[in-house]
Every structure is written in structure tokens, then in C-alpha cells.
C-alpha atoms as a PDB file:
ATOM      1  CA  MET A   1      -0.197   0.058  -0.299  1.00  0.00           C
ATOM      2  CA  LEU A   2       1.280   3.395  -1.175  1.00  0.00           C
ATOM      3  CA  GLY A   3      -0.370   6.549   0.281  1.00  0.00           C
ATOM      4  CA  LEU A   4       0.070  10.000   1.981  1.00  0.00           C
ATOM      5  CA  GLY A   5      -1.837  11.195   4.767  1.00  0.00           C
ATOM      6  CA  HIS A   6      -1.681  14.232   7.125  1.00  0.00           C
ATOM      7  CA  ASP A   7      -2.895  14.694  10.652  1.00  0.00           C
ATOM      8  CA  VAL A   8      -2.991  18.251  12.416  1.00  0.00           C
ATOM      9  CA  VAL A   9      -2.562  18.809  16.304  1.00  0.00           C
ATOM     10  CA  ASP A  10      -3.945  21.826  18.148  1.00  0.00           C
ATOM     11  CA  VAL A  11      -0.228  22.310  20.027  1.00  0.00           C
ATOM     12  CA  PRO A  12      -1.860  24.400  23.059  1.00  0.00           C
ATOM     13  CA  ALA A  13      -4.034  21.926  23.676  1.00  0.00           C
ATOM     14  CA  PHE A  14      -1.919  19.197  23.491  1.00  0.00           C
ATOM     15  CA  ALA A  15       0.622  21.081  25.802  1.00  0.00           C
ATOM     16  CA  LYS A  16      -1.944  21.760  28.063  1.00  0.00           C
ATOM     17  CA  GLN A  17      -2.829  18.032  28.205  1.00  0.00           C
ATOM     18  CA  LEU A  18       1.147  16.889  28.138  1.00  0.00           C
ATOM     19  CA  ASN A  19       1.558  19.190  31.473  1.00  0.00           C
ATOM     20  CA  GLU A  20      -2.000  17.916  33.460  1.00  0.00           C
ATOM     21  CA  PRO A  21      -0.818  16.445  36.558  1.00  0.00           C
ATOM     22  CA  GLY A  22      -0.937  12.651  36.632  1.00  0.00           C
ATOM     23  CA  THR A  23      -0.883  12.782  33.148  1.00  0.00           C
ATOM     24  CA  ARG A  24       0.247   9.415  31.095  1.00  0.00           C
ATOM     25  CA  MET A  25       1.107  11.090  27.537  1.00  0.00           C
ATOM     26  CA  ARG A  26       4.781  10.939  27.600  1.00  0.00           C
ATOM     27  CA  ASN A  27       4.333   7.110  28.340  1.00  0.00           C
ATOM     28  CA  LEU A  28       2.575   7.175  24.920  1.00  0.00           C
ATOM     29  CA  PHE A  29       6.157   7.754  23.124  1.00  0.00           C
ATOM     30  CA  SER A  30       9.427   5.489  23.121  1.00  0.00           C
ATOM     31  CA  MET A  31      12.515   6.768  25.030  1.00  0.00           C
ATOM     32  CA  ARG A  32      14.039   7.776  21.858  1.00  0.00           C
ATOM     33  CA  GLU A  33      11.062   9.906  20.940  1.00  0.00           C
ATOM     34  CA  ILE A  34      11.648  11.624  24.126  1.00  0.00           C
ATOM     35  CA  TRP A  35      15.115  11.790  23.338  1.00  0.00           C
ATOM     36  CA  GLN A  36      15.262  12.933  20.227  1.00  0.00           C
ATOM     37  CA  THR A  37      12.323  15.990  21.178  1.00  0.00           C
ATOM     38  CA  ALA A  38      14.410  16.992  24.254  1.00  0.00           C
ATOM     39  CA  GLN A  39      18.059  17.403  21.973  1.00  0.00           C
ATOM     40  CA  ARG A  40      15.530  19.055  19.020  1.00  0.00           C
ATOM     41  CA  SER A  41      14.172  21.603  21.621  1.00  0.00           C
ATOM     42  CA  GLN A  42      17.434  22.184  22.923  1.00  0.00           C
ATOM     43  CA  LEU A  43      18.565  23.157  19.688  1.00  0.00           C
ATOM     44  CA  LYS A  44      15.559  25.240  18.263  1.00  0.00           C
ATOM     45  CA  HIS A  45      15.377  26.616  22.030  1.00  0.00           C
ATOM     46  CA  ASP A  46      11.155  25.984  22.183  1.00  0.00           C
ATOM     47  CA  ASP A  47       8.961  24.261  23.879  1.00  0.00           C
ATOM     48  CA  GLU A  48       9.238  19.851  23.983  1.00  0.00           C
ATOM     49  CA  ALA A  49       5.343  20.197  23.300  1.00  0.00           C
ATOM     50  CA  VAL A  50       5.630  21.368  19.496  1.00  0.00           C
ATOM     51  CA  HIS A  51       7.979  18.086  18.708  1.00  0.00           C
ATOM     52  CA  LEU A  52       5.774  15.763  20.720  1.00  0.00           C
ATOM     53  CA  ALA A  53       2.797  17.073  19.006  1.00  0.00           C
ATOM     54  CA  ALA A  54       4.272  15.978  15.812  1.00  0.00           C
ATOM     55  CA  ARG A  55       5.215  12.978  16.645  1.00  0.00           C
ATOM     56  CA  TRP A  56       1.831  12.834  18.162  1.00  0.00           C
ATOM     57  CA  ALA A  57       0.569  13.496  14.621  1.00  0.00           C
ATOM     58  CA  GLY A  58       2.858  11.241  12.825  1.00  0.00           C
ATOM     59  CA  LYS A  59       1.345   8.068  15.176  1.00  0.00           C
ATOM     60  CA  GLU A  60      -2.042   9.297  14.620  1.00  0.00           C
ATOM     61  CA  ALA A  61      -1.544   9.119  10.531  1.00  0.00           C
ATOM     62  CA  PHE A  62       0.083   5.856  11.042  1.00  0.00           C
ATOM     63  CA  LEU A  63      -3.209   4.573  12.718  1.00  0.00           C
ATOM     64  CA  LYS A  64      -5.488   5.797  10.081  1.00  0.00           C
ATOM     65  CA  ALA A  65      -3.435   4.344   7.316  1.00  0.00           C
ATOM     66  CA  TRP A  66      -2.839   1.330   8.676  1.00  0.00           C
ATOM     67  CA  CYS A  67      -6.880   0.885   9.550  1.00  0.00           C
ATOM     68  CA  ASP A  68      -7.613   1.763   5.876  1.00  0.00           C
ATOM     69  CA  TYR A  69      -5.430  -0.662   4.772  1.00  0.00           C
ATOM     70  CA  LEU A  70      -7.288  -3.278   6.740  1.00  0.00           C
ATOM     71  CA  GLY A  71     -10.769  -2.228   5.375  1.00  0.00           C
ATOM     72  CA  ASP A  72     -13.434  -4.658   6.916  1.00  0.00           C
ATOM     73  CA  ALA A  73     -10.861  -6.920   8.309  1.00  0.00           C
ATOM     74  CA  PRO A  74     -11.491  -6.712  12.253  1.00  0.00           C
ATOM     75  CA  TYR A  75      -8.786  -4.420  13.798  1.00  0.00           C
ATOM     76  CA  PRO A  76      -6.355  -6.088  16.230  1.00  0.00           C
ATOM     77  CA  PHE A  77      -6.494  -2.813  18.453  1.00  0.00           C
ATOM     78  CA  THR A  78      -8.509   0.287  20.052  1.00  0.00           C
ATOM     79  CA  LEU A  79      -7.450   2.967  20.944  1.00  0.00           C
ATOM     80  CA  ASP A  80      -7.039   1.866  24.491  1.00  0.00           C
ATOM     81  CA  ASN A  81      -4.769  -0.565  24.127  1.00  0.00           C
ATOM     82  CA  PHE A  82      -2.864   0.202  21.079  1.00  0.00           C
ATOM     83  CA  PRO A  83       0.939  -0.326  21.401  1.00  0.00           C
ATOM     84  CA  TRP A  84       1.493   3.686  21.209  1.00  0.00           C
ATOM     85  CA  PRO A  85       5.600   3.739  22.007  1.00  0.00           C
ATOM     86  CA  GLU A  86       6.177   0.598  19.782  1.00  0.00           C
ATOM     87  CA  ILE A  87       4.721   3.138  17.087  1.00  0.00           C
ATOM     88  CA  GLU A  88       8.417   5.665  16.370  1.00  0.00           C
ATOM     89  CA  ILE A  89       8.756   8.573  14.640  1.00  0.00           C
ATOM     90  CA  LEU A  90      11.666   9.680  14.735  1.00  0.00           C
ATOM     91  CA  ASP A  91      14.181  11.996  13.157  1.00  0.00           C
ATOM     92  CA  ASP A  92      16.201  10.474  10.651  1.00  0.00           C
ATOM     93  CA  SER A  93      19.206  12.943  10.794  1.00  0.00           C
END
């Protein structure tokens, strides 16, 4: 399957969720994603939420493309048990 997709994330709303007390949002990212996000944020002198939101958009786009690929076949996961940290959106540099 070949395709192109996009997803949009409201960065301020995402940042608010990311910074809520007791949130588990960071658990949705792999250690490599967290590390690259911290590096990119330091390099660009901006908030990590911007870079995590971009990775989140990539994960959502992947999930949508995968579901389209499966068509009418039953989905092996729900949104609640999808292995979010195993789908990595990494810098290729």
C-alpha cells in the first residue's frame, strides 16, 4: 500500500494535556522519541510540546493509514490498547 496522509494537532491544547498533573501522555512515546524531542527542543530553544505534538500527529496518521489498509478486516487493537510507544516517529538525521 502506498499513500500519503496528514494529521493536525492543536499544539496549545496538546501542551496543556501533556502538562496536566498525573497525565500519562509521555508514556505514549518511546524513549528514543523522548530523547530526540529533548535534543530538538534544546537546539531550537522551544517547547518540547511542539515536537511531541508533531510525533503524535505522525502516530495518528499511521494508525489511520493502517486501518484503511485493513479495510473491513477486524482491527487487532482499540485506541485504548494500541501499542503507541512501539510506533516510533523519529528524526532521520
